[in-house]
């Protein structure tokens, strides 16, 4: 008789009947490794998720104006209206 007739290895019908479970673990494990690799590859150096090159290019092309920053700070209450006017006048050179 040949080797296959004695049930060596993971042949069909010759094993313990749990070969499918090992194959399932293998497939799930490989899928998890691929998932982790993709997640790590799409992160920046500081660990935040990357938005892609387009977002970085758009930020470089359209920087926030100094006046907009002052308006945002006024809206958040970091500066009062008087200080806002002083800084805007300084920006405009008046």
PDB file of N, CA and C in Angstrom:
ATOM      1  N   UNK A   1       0.833  -1.191   0.000  1.00  0.00           N
ATOM      2  CA  UNK A   1       0.000   0.000   0.000  1.00  0.00           C
ATOM      3  C   UNK A   1       0.869   1.242   0.000  1.00  0.00           C
ATOM      4  N   UNK A   2       0.337   2.279  -0.550  1.00  0.00           N
ATOM      5  CA  UNK A   2       1.078   3.534  -0.602  1.00  0.00           C
ATOM      6  C   UNK A   2       0.919   4.327   0.686  1.00  0.00           C
ATOM      7  N   UNK A   3       1.638   5.399   0.742  1.00  0.00           N
ATOM      8  CA  UNK A   3       1.605   6.277   1.906  1.00  0.00           C
ATOM      9  C   UNK A   3       0.217   6.867   2.107  1.00  0.00           C
ATOM     10  N   UNK A   4      -0.468   7.162   1.027  1.00  0.00           N
ATOM     11  CA  UNK A   4      -1.765   7.829   1.129  1.00  0.00           C
ATOM     12  C   UNK A   4      -2.828   6.922   1.748  1.00  0.00           C
ATOM     13  N   UNK A   5      -2.663   5.672   1.628  1.00  0.00           N
ATOM     14  CA  UNK A   5      -3.653   4.748   2.164  1.00  0.00           C
ATOM     15  C   UNK A   5      -3.561   4.610   3.675  1.00  0.00           C
ATOM     16  N   UNK A   6      -2.455   5.057   4.262  1.00  0.00           N
ATOM     17  CA  UNK A   6      -2.277   4.922   5.711  1.00  0.00           C
ATOM     18  C   UNK A   6      -2.698   6.165   6.488  1.00  0.00           C
ATOM     19  N   UNK A   7      -3.065   7.221   5.793  1.00  0.00           N
ATOM     20  CA  UNK A   7      -3.568   8.405   6.471  1.00  0.00           C
ATOM     21  C   UNK A   7      -2.488   9.349   6.960  1.00  0.00           C
ATOM     22  N   UNK A   8      -1.339   9.338   6.357  1.00  0.00           N
ATOM     23  CA  UNK A   8      -0.294  10.282   6.741  1.00  0.00           C
ATOM     24  C   UNK A   8      -0.639  11.665   6.187  1.00  0.00           C
ATOM     25  N   UNK A   9      -0.370  12.689   6.965  1.00  0.00           N
ATOM     26  CA  UNK A   9      -0.620  14.045   6.498  1.00  0.00           C
ATOM     27  C   UNK A   9      -2.073  14.440   6.641  1.00  0.00           C
ATOM     28  N   UNK A  10      -2.422  15.536   5.967  1.00  0.00           N
ATOM     29  CA  UNK A  10      -3.774  16.071   6.086  1.00  0.00           C
ATOM     30  C   UNK A  10      -4.572  15.742   4.836  1.00  0.00           C
ATOM     31  N   UNK A  11      -4.645  14.474   4.506  1.00  0.00           N
ATOM     32  CA  UNK A  11      -5.413  14.051   3.348  1.00  0.00           C
ATOM     33  C   UNK A  11      -6.900  14.116   3.635  1.00  0.00           C
ATOM     34  N   UNK A  12      -7.699  14.077   2.594  1.00  0.00           N
ATOM     35  CA  UNK A  12      -9.143  14.139   2.777  1.00  0.00           C
ATOM     36  C   UNK A  12      -9.654  12.823   3.357  1.00  0.00           C
ATOM     37  N   UNK A  13     -10.241  12.889   4.516  1.00  0.00           N
ATOM     38  CA  UNK A  13     -10.833  11.722   5.121  1.00  0.00           C
ATOM     39  C   UNK A  13      -9.868  10.842   5.905  1.00  0.00           C
ATOM     40  N   UNK A  14      -8.603  11.216   5.974  1.00  0.00           N
ATOM     41  CA  UNK A  14      -7.625  10.372   6.649  1.00  0.00           C
ATOM     42  C   UNK A  14      -7.131  10.991   7.952  1.00  0.00           C
ATOM     43  N   UNK A  15      -7.491  12.213   8.259  1.00  0.00           N
ATOM     44  CA  UNK A  15      -7.003  12.875   9.462  1.00  0.00           C
ATOM     45  C   UNK A  15      -7.970  12.752  10.608  1.00  0.00           C
ATOM     46  N   UNK A  16      -7.864  13.695  11.517  1.00  0.00           N
ATOM     47  CA  UNK A  16      -8.703  13.687  12.709  1.00  0.00           C
ATOM     48  C   UNK A  16     -10.070  14.305  12.466  1.00  0.00           C
ATOM     49  N   UNK A  17     -10.237  14.942  11.337  1.00  0.00           N
ATOM     50  CA  UNK A  17     -11.511  15.583  11.048  1.00  0.00           C
ATOM     51  C   UNK A  17     -11.521  17.055  11.425  1.00  0.00           C
ATOM     52  N   UNK A  18     -10.415  17.544  11.999  1.00  0.00           N
ATOM     53  CA  UNK A  18     -10.354  18.948  12.407  1.00  0.00           C
ATOM     54  C   UNK A  18      -9.408  19.761  11.534  1.00  0.00           C
ATOM     55  N   UNK A  19      -9.034  19.237  10.371  1.00  0.00           N
ATOM     56  CA  UNK A  19      -8.134  19.982   9.489  1.00  0.00           C
ATOM     57  C   UNK A  19      -8.762  21.305   9.060  1.00  0.00           C
ATOM     58  N   UNK A  20     -10.069  21.319   8.883  1.00  0.00           N
ATOM     59  CA  UNK A  20     -10.748  22.542   8.470  1.00  0.00           C
ATOM     60  C   UNK A  20     -10.576  23.635   9.504  1.00  0.00           C
ATOM     61  N   UNK A  21     -10.489  23.257  10.787  1.00  0.00           N
ATOM     62  CA  UNK A  21     -10.314  24.244  11.848  1.00  0.00           C
ATOM     63  C   UNK A  21      -8.942  24.893  11.755  1.00  0.00           C
ATOM     64  N   UNK A  22      -7.910  24.090  11.479  1.00  0.00           N
ATOM     65  CA  UNK A  22      -6.565  24.647  11.323  1.00  0.00           C
ATOM     66  C   UNK A  22      -6.495  25.564  10.114  1.00  0.00           C
ATOM     67  N   UNK A  23      -7.152  25.182   9.047  1.00  0.00           N
ATOM     68  CA  UNK A  23      -7.168  26.020   7.851  1.00  0.00           C
ATOM     69  C   UNK A  23      -7.908  27.330   8.119  1.00  0.00           C
ATOM     70  N   UNK A  24      -8.972  27.257   8.901  1.00  0.00           N
ATOM     71  CA  UNK A  24      -9.702  28.462   9.268  1.00  0.00           C
ATOM     72  C   UNK A  24      -8.812  29.394  10.085  1.00  0.00           C
ATOM     73  N   UNK A  25      -8.091  28.858  11.057  1.00  0.00           N
ATOM     74  CA  UNK A  25      -7.157  29.666  11.847  1.00  0.00           C
ATOM     75  C   UNK A  25      -6.089  30.297  10.959  1.00  0.00           C
ATOM     76  N   UNK A  26      -5.598  29.547   9.997  1.00  0.00           N
ATOM     77  CA  UNK A  26      -4.583  30.054   9.092  1.00  0.00           C
ATOM     78  C   UNK A  26      -5.120  31.214   8.258  1.00  0.00           C
ATOM     79  N   UNK A  27      -6.302  31.057   7.707  1.00  0.00           N
ATOM     80  CA  UNK A  27      -6.888  32.105   6.869  1.00  0.00           C
ATOM     81  C   UNK A  27      -7.193  33.356   7.696  1.00  0.00           C
ATOM     82  N   UNK A  28      -7.763  33.180   8.882  1.00  0.00           N
ATOM     83  CA  UNK A  28      -8.072  34.328   9.744  1.00  0.00           C
ATOM     84  C   UNK A  28      -6.788  35.018  10.185  1.00  0.00           C
ATOM     85  N   UNK A  29      -5.764  34.250  10.506  1.00  0.00           N
ATOM     86  CA  UNK A  29      -4.486  34.835  10.909  1.00  0.00           C
ATOM     87  C   UNK A  29      -3.839  35.624   9.792  1.00  0.00           C
ATOM     88  N   UNK A  30      -3.869  35.094   8.583  1.00  0.00           N
ATOM     89  CA  UNK A  30      -3.308  35.820   7.446  1.00  0.00           C
ATOM     90  C   UNK A  30      -4.098  37.096   7.160  1.00  0.00           C
ATOM     91  N   UNK A  31      -5.405  37.029   7.271  1.00  0.00           N
ATOM     92  CA  UNK A  31      -6.231  38.218   7.056  1.00  0.00           C
ATOM     93  C   UNK A  31      -5.921  39.281   8.106  1.00  0.00           C
ATOM     94  N   UNK A  32      -5.706  38.876   9.347  1.00  0.00           N
ATOM     95  CA  UNK A  32      -5.360  39.828  10.406  1.00  0.00           C
ATOM     96  C   UNK A  32      -4.005  40.466  10.140  1.00  0.00           C
ATOM     97  N   UNK A  33      -3.041  39.686   9.667  1.00  0.00           N
ATOM     98  CA  UNK A  33      -1.722  40.236   9.349  1.00  0.00           C
ATOM     99  C   UNK A  33      -1.798  41.258   8.218  1.00  0.00           C
ATOM    100  N   UNK A  34      -2.596  40.965   7.200  1.00  0.00           N
ATOM    101  CA  UNK A  34      -2.762  41.909   6.094  1.00  0.00           C
ATOM    102  C   UNK A  34      -3.419  43.191   6.594  1.00  0.00           C
ATOM    103  N   UNK A  35      -4.439  43.054   7.430  1.00  0.00           N
ATOM    104  CA  UNK A  35      -5.132  44.223   7.980  1.00  0.00           C
ATOM    105  C   UNK A  35      -4.167  45.109   8.768  1.00  0.00           C
ATOM    106  N   UNK A  36      -3.381  44.510   9.645  1.00  0.00           N
ATOM    107  CA  UNK A  36      -2.435  45.273  10.460  1.00  0.00           C
ATOM    108  C   UNK A  36      -1.389  45.940   9.573  1.00  0.00           C
ATOM    109  N   UNK A  37      -0.896  45.243   8.571  1.00  0.00           N
ATOM    110  CA  UNK A  37       0.109  45.814   7.676  1.00  0.00           C
ATOM    111  C   UNK A  37      -0.445  47.028   6.932  1.00  0.00           C
ATOM    112  N   UNK A  38      -1.689  46.939   6.465  1.00  0.00           N
ATOM    113  CA  UNK A  38      -2.297  48.071   5.753  1.00  0.00           C
ATOM    114  C   UNK A  38      -2.500  49.244   6.696  1.00  0.00           C
ATOM    115  N   UNK A  39      -2.972  48.976   7.907  1.00  0.00           N
ATOM    116  CA  UNK A  39      -3.185  50.061   8.880  1.00  0.00           C
ATOM    117  C   UNK A  39      -1.876  50.759   9.229  1.00  0.00           C
ATOM    118  N   UNK A  40      -0.819  50.001   9.417  1.00  0.00           N
ATOM    119  CA  UNK A  40       0.478  50.595   9.734  1.00  0.00           C
ATOM    120  C   UNK A  40       1.046  51.370   8.549  1.00  0.00           C
ATOM    121  N   UNK A  41       0.785  50.910   7.358  1.00  0.00           N
ATOM    122  CA  UNK A  41       1.304  51.582   6.172  1.00  0.00           C
ATOM    123  C   UNK A  41       0.590  52.900   5.896  1.00  0.00           C
ATOM    124  N   UNK A  42      -0.621  53.081   6.403  1.00  0.00           N
ATOM    125  CA  UNK A  42      -1.376  54.307   6.138  1.00  0.00           C
ATOM    126  C   UNK A  42      -1.310  55.283   7.300  1.00  0.00           C
ATOM    127  N   UNK A  43      -0.345  55.144   8.151  1.00  0.00           N
ATOM    128  CA  UNK A  43      -0.181  56.057   9.282  1.00  0.00           C
ATOM    129  C   UNK A  43       1.013  56.978   9.052  1.00  0.00           C
ATOM    130  N   UNK A  44       0.923  58.188   9.604  1.00  0.00           N
ATOM    131  CA  UNK A  44       2.041  59.118   9.572  1.00  0.00           C
ATOM    132  C   UNK A  44       3.064  58.730  10.627  1.00  0.00           C
ATOM    133  N   UNK A  45       4.149  59.510  10.683  1.00  0.00           N
ATOM    134  CA  UNK A  45       5.203  59.244  11.663  1.00  0.00           C
ATOM    135  C   UNK A  45       4.715  59.378  13.097  1.00  0.00           C
ATOM    136  N   UNK A  46       3.794  60.307  13.350  1.00  0.00           N
ATOM    137  CA  UNK A  46       3.314  60.542  14.710  1.00  0.00           C
ATOM    138  C   UNK A  46       2.165  59.610  15.112  1.00  0.00           C
ATOM    139  N   UNK A  47       1.791  58.657  14.263  1.00  0.00           N
ATOM    140  CA  UNK A  47       0.785  57.668  14.619  1.00  0.00           C
ATOM    141  C   UNK A  47      -0.627  58.034  14.221  1.00  0.00           C
ATOM    142  N   UNK A  48      -0.821  59.227  13.648  1.00  0.00           N
ATOM    143  CA  UNK A  48      -2.160  59.615  13.218  1.00  0.00           C
ATOM    144  C   UNK A  48      -2.430  59.070  11.830  1.00  0.00           C
ATOM    145  N   UNK A  49      -3.666  58.823  11.541  1.00  0.00           N
ATOM    146  CA  UNK A  49      -4.031  58.273  10.238  1.00  0.00           C
ATOM    147  C   UNK A  49      -3.775  59.314   9.163  1.00  0.00           C
ATOM    148  N   UNK A  50      -3.169  58.909   8.089  1.00  0.00           N
ATOM    149  CA  UNK A  50      -2.838  59.793   6.980  1.00  0.00           C
ATOM    150  C   UNK A  50      -4.091  60.099   6.171  1.00  0.00           C
ATOM    151  N   UNK A  51      -4.245  61.333   5.771  1.00  0.00           N
ATOM    152  CA  UNK A  51      -5.376  61.730   4.944  1.00  0.00           C
ATOM    153  C   UNK A  51      -5.015  61.670   3.469  1.00  0.00           C
ATOM    154  N   UNK A  52      -3.803  61.344   3.158  1.00  0.00           N
ATOM    155  CA  UNK A  52      -3.355  61.266   1.775  1.00  0.00           C
ATOM    156  C   UNK A  52      -2.573  62.497   1.390  1.00  0.00           C
ATOM    157  N   UNK A  53      -1.893  62.423   0.277  1.00  0.00           N
ATOM    158  CA  UNK A  53      -1.040  63.518  -0.175  1.00  0.00           C
ATOM    159  C   UNK A  53      -1.858  64.739  -0.577  1.00  0.00           C
ATOM    160  N   UNK A  54      -3.076  64.542  -1.050  1.00  0.00           N
ATOM    161  CA  UNK A  54      -3.899  65.670  -1.491  1.00  0.00           C
ATOM    162  C   UNK A  54      -4.197  66.647  -0.381  1.00  0.00           C
ATOM    163  N   UNK A  55      -4.449  66.181   0.818  1.00  0.00           N
ATOM    164  CA  UNK A  55      -4.759  67.069   1.937  1.00  0.00           C
ATOM    165  C   UNK A  55      -3.539  67.889   2.323  1.00  0.00           C
ATOM    166  N   UNK A  56      -2.365  67.299   2.300  1.00  0.00           N
ATOM    167  CA  UNK A  56      -1.144  68.023   2.653  1.00  0.00           C
ATOM    168  C   UNK A  56      -0.852  69.090   1.603  1.00  0.00           C
ATOM    169  N   UNK A  57      -1.059  68.780   0.325  1.00  0.00           N
ATOM    170  CA  UNK A  57      -0.822  69.746  -0.738  1.00  0.00           C
ATOM    171  C   UNK A  57      -1.806  70.907  -0.650  1.00  0.00           C
ATOM    172  N   UNK A  58      -3.055  70.624  -0.331  1.00  0.00           N
ATOM    173  CA  UNK A  58      -4.062  71.679  -0.229  1.00  0.00           C
ATOM    174  C   UNK A  58      -3.732  72.626   0.922  1.00  0.00           C
ATOM    175  N   UNK A  59      -3.241  72.100   2.022  1.00  0.00           N
ATOM    176  CA  UNK A  59      -2.885  72.944   3.156  1.00  0.00           C
ATOM    177  C   UNK A  59      -1.698  73.832   2.820  1.00  0.00           C
ATOM    178  N   UNK A  60      -0.770  73.342   2.022  1.00  0.00           N
ATOM    179  CA  UNK A  60       0.400  74.138   1.642  1.00  0.00           C
ATOM    180  C   UNK A  60       0.016  75.240   0.653  1.00  0.00           C
ATOM    181  N   UNK A  61      -0.977  74.995  -0.200  1.00  0.00           N
ATOM    182  CA  UNK A  61      -1.376  75.969  -1.208  1.00  0.00           C
ATOM    183  C   UNK A  61      -2.219  77.075  -0.595  1.00  0.00           C
ATOM    184  N   UNK A  62      -3.115  76.747   0.330  1.00  0.00           N
ATOM    185  CA  UNK A  62      -4.028  77.721   0.904  1.00  0.00           C
ATOM    186  C   UNK A  62      -3.796  77.857   2.411  1.00  0.00           C
ATOM    187  N   UNK A  63      -2.748  78.577   2.815  1.00  0.00           N
ATOM    188  CA  UNK A  63      -2.524  78.732   4.252  1.00  0.00           C
ATOM    189  C   UNK A  63      -3.585  79.638   4.872  1.00  0.00           C
ATOM    190  N   UNK A  64      -3.800  79.469   6.143  1.00  0.00           N
ATOM    191  CA  UNK A  64      -4.767  80.292   6.854  1.00  0.00           C
ATOM    192  C   UNK A  64      -4.180  81.688   7.029  1.00  0.00           C
ATOM    193  N   UNK A  65      -5.007  82.691   6.748  1.00  0.00           N
ATOM    194  CA  UNK A  65      -4.521  84.067   6.866  1.00  0.00           C
ATOM    195  C   UNK A  65      -4.406  84.453   8.339  1.00  0.00           C
ATOM    196  N   UNK A  66      -3.577  85.443   8.591  1.00  0.00           N
ATOM    197  CA  UNK A  66      -3.382  85.912   9.962  1.00  0.00           C
ATOM    198  C   UNK A  66      -4.686  86.475  10.524  1.00  0.00           C
ATOM    199  N   UNK A  67      -5.445  87.152   9.677  1.00  0.00           N
ATOM    200  CA  UNK A  67      -6.721  87.699  10.152  1.00  0.00           C
ATOM    201  C   UNK A  67      -7.688  86.585  10.536  1.00  0.00           C
ATOM    202  N   UNK A  68      -7.722  85.510   9.739  1.00  0.00           N
ATOM    203  CA  UNK A  68      -8.601  84.380  10.049  1.00  0.00           C
ATOM    204  C   UNK A  68      -8.211  83.760  11.384  1.00  0.00           C
ATOM    205  N   UNK A  69      -6.915  83.661  11.642  1.00  0.00           N
ATOM    206  CA  UNK A  69      -6.450  83.118  12.924  1.00  0.00           C
ATOM    207  C   UNK A  69      -6.914  84.010  14.068  1.00  0.00           C
ATOM    208  N   UNK A  70      -6.812  85.320  13.875  1.00  0.00           N
ATOM    209  CA  UNK A  70      -7.278  86.247  14.917  1.00  0.00           C
ATOM    210  C   UNK A  70      -8.787  86.127  15.128  1.00  0.00           C
ATOM    211  N   UNK A  71      -9.532  85.987  14.032  1.00  0.00           N
ATOM    212  CA  UNK A  71     -10.983  85.826  14.162  1.00  0.00           C
ATOM    213  C   UNK A  71     -11.327  84.537  14.912  1.00  0.00           C
ATOM    214  N   UNK A  72     -10.597  83.475  14.627  1.00  0.00           N
ATOM    215  CA  UNK A  72     -10.831  82.213  15.332  1.00  0.00           C
ATOM    216  C   UNK A  72     -10.515  82.350  16.817  1.00  0.00           C
ATOM    217  N   UNK A  73      -9.422  83.028  17.137  1.00  0.00           N
ATOM    218  CA  UNK A  73      -9.053  83.215  18.542  1.00  0.00           C
ATOM    219  C   UNK A  73     -10.085  84.075  19.271  1.00  0.00           C
ATOM    220  N   UNK A  74     -10.626  85.091  18.585  1.00  0.00           N
ATOM    221  CA  UNK A  74     -11.673  85.923  19.175  1.00  0.00           C
ATOM    222  C   UNK A  74     -12.930  85.091  19.428  1.00  0.00           C
ATOM    223  N   UNK A  75     -13.289  84.254  18.461  1.00  0.00           N
ATOM    224  CA  UNK A  75     -14.481  83.419  18.606  1.00  0.00           C
ATOM    225  C   UNK A  75     -14.325  82.432  19.755  1.00  0.00           C
ATOM    226  N   UNK A  76     -13.120  81.929  19.980  1.00  0.00           N
ATOM    227  CA  UNK A  76     -12.899  80.988  21.079  1.00  0.00           C
ATOM    228  C   UNK A  76     -12.748  81.687  22.423  1.00  0.00           C
ATOM    229  N   UNK A  77     -12.655  83.030  22.410  1.00  0.00           N
ATOM    230  CA  UNK A  77     -12.527  83.769  23.654  1.00  0.00           C
ATOM    231  C   UNK A  77     -11.102  83.884  24.158  1.00  0.00           C
ATOM    232  N   UNK A  78     -10.127  83.571  23.311  1.00  0.00           N
ATOM    233  CA  UNK A  78      -8.725  83.661  23.722  1.00  0.00           C
ATOM    234  C   UNK A  78      -8.254  85.111  23.791  1.00  0.00           C
ATOM    235  N   UNK A  79      -8.844  85.963  22.951  1.00  0.00           N
ATOM    236  CA  UNK A  79      -8.529  87.391  22.993  1.00  0.00           C
ATOM    237  C   UNK A  79      -9.840  88.155  23.057  1.00  0.00           C
ATOM    238  N   UNK A  80      -9.783  89.376  23.598  1.00  0.00           N
ATOM    239  CA  UNK A  80     -10.990  90.193  23.678  1.00  0.00           C
ATOM    240  C   UNK A  80     -11.085  91.076  22.429  1.00  0.00           C
ATOM    241  N   UNK A  81     -12.233  91.711  22.201  1.00  0.00           N
ATOM    242  CA  UNK A  81     -12.417  92.517  20.986  1.00  0.00           C
ATOM    243  C   UNK A  81     -11.404  93.651  20.845  1.00  0.00           C
ATOM    244  N   UNK A  82     -11.019  94.259  21.961  1.00  0.00           N
ATOM    245  CA  UNK A  82     -10.044  95.353  21.892  1.00  0.00           C
ATOM    246  C   UNK A  82      -8.688  94.835  21.381  1.00  0.00           C
ATOM    247  N   UNK A  83      -8.245  93.719  21.930  1.00  0.00           N
ATOM    248  CA  UNK A  83      -6.974  93.152  21.482  1.00  0.00           C
ATOM    249  C   UNK A  83      -7.068  92.712  20.018  1.00  0.00           C
ATOM    250  N   UNK A  84      -8.241  92.217  19.620  1.00  0.00           N
ATOM    251  CA  UNK A  84      -8.453  91.828  18.225  1.00  0.00           C
ATOM    252  C   UNK A  84      -8.254  93.026  17.309  1.00  0.00           C
ATOM    253  N   UNK A  85      -8.892  94.169  17.651  1.00  0.00           N
ATOM    254  CA  UNK A  85      -8.772  95.372  16.821  1.00  0.00           C
ATOM    255  C   UNK A  85      -7.329  95.855  16.758  1.00  0.00           C
ATOM    256  N   UNK A  86      -6.634  95.815  17.880  1.00  0.00           N
ATOM    257  CA  UNK A  86      -5.229  96.246  17.911  1.00  0.00           C
ATOM    258  C   UNK A  86      -4.374  95.386  16.981  1.00  0.00           C
ATOM    259  N   UNK A  87      -4.583  94.095  17.046  1.00  0.00           N
ATOM    260  CA  UNK A  87      -3.777  93.197  16.218  1.00  0.00           C
ATOM    261  C   UNK A  87      -4.120  93.305  14.731  1.00  0.00           C
ATOM    262  N   UNK A  88      -5.406  93.518  14.415  1.00  0.00           N
ATOM    263  CA  UNK A  88      -5.792  93.692  13.017  1.00  0.00           C
ATOM    264  C   UNK A  88      -5.186  94.983  12.484  1.00  0.00           C
ATOM    265  N   UNK A  89      -5.221  96.049  13.294  1.00  0.00           N
ATOM    266  CA  UNK A  89      -4.600  97.308  12.868  1.00  0.00           C
ATOM    267  C   UNK A  89      -3.110  97.136  12.657  1.00  0.00           C
ATOM    268  N   UNK A  90      -2.460  96.346  13.496  1.00  0.00           N
ATOM    269  CA  UNK A  90      -1.031  96.110  13.332  1.00  0.00           C
ATOM    270  C   UNK A  90      -0.761  95.318  12.050  1.00  0.00           C
ATOM    271  N   UNK A  91      -1.644  94.391  11.727  1.00  0.00           N
ATOM    272  CA  UNK A  91      -1.478  93.618  10.498  1.00  0.00           C
ATOM    273  C   UNK A  91      -1.653  94.499   9.251  1.00  0.00           C
ATOM    274  N   UNK A  92      -2.609  95.396   9.330  1.00  0.00           N
ATOM    275  CA  UNK A  92      -2.903  96.255   8.167  1.00  0.00           C
ATOM    276  C   UNK A  92      -1.935  97.429   8.070  1.00  0.00           C
ATOM    277  N   UNK A  93      -1.136  97.625   9.097  1.00  0.00           N
ATOM    278  CA  UNK A  93      -0.154  98.700   9.068  1.00  0.00           C
ATOM    279  C   UNK A  93      -0.726 100.070   9.378  1.00  0.00           C
ATOM    280  N   UNK A  94      -1.871 100.111  10.046  1.00  0.00           N
ATOM    281  CA  UNK A  94      -2.498 101.399  10.354  1.00  0.00           C
ATOM    282  C   UNK A  94      -2.087 101.910  11.717  1.00  0.00           C
TER     283      UNK A  94
END
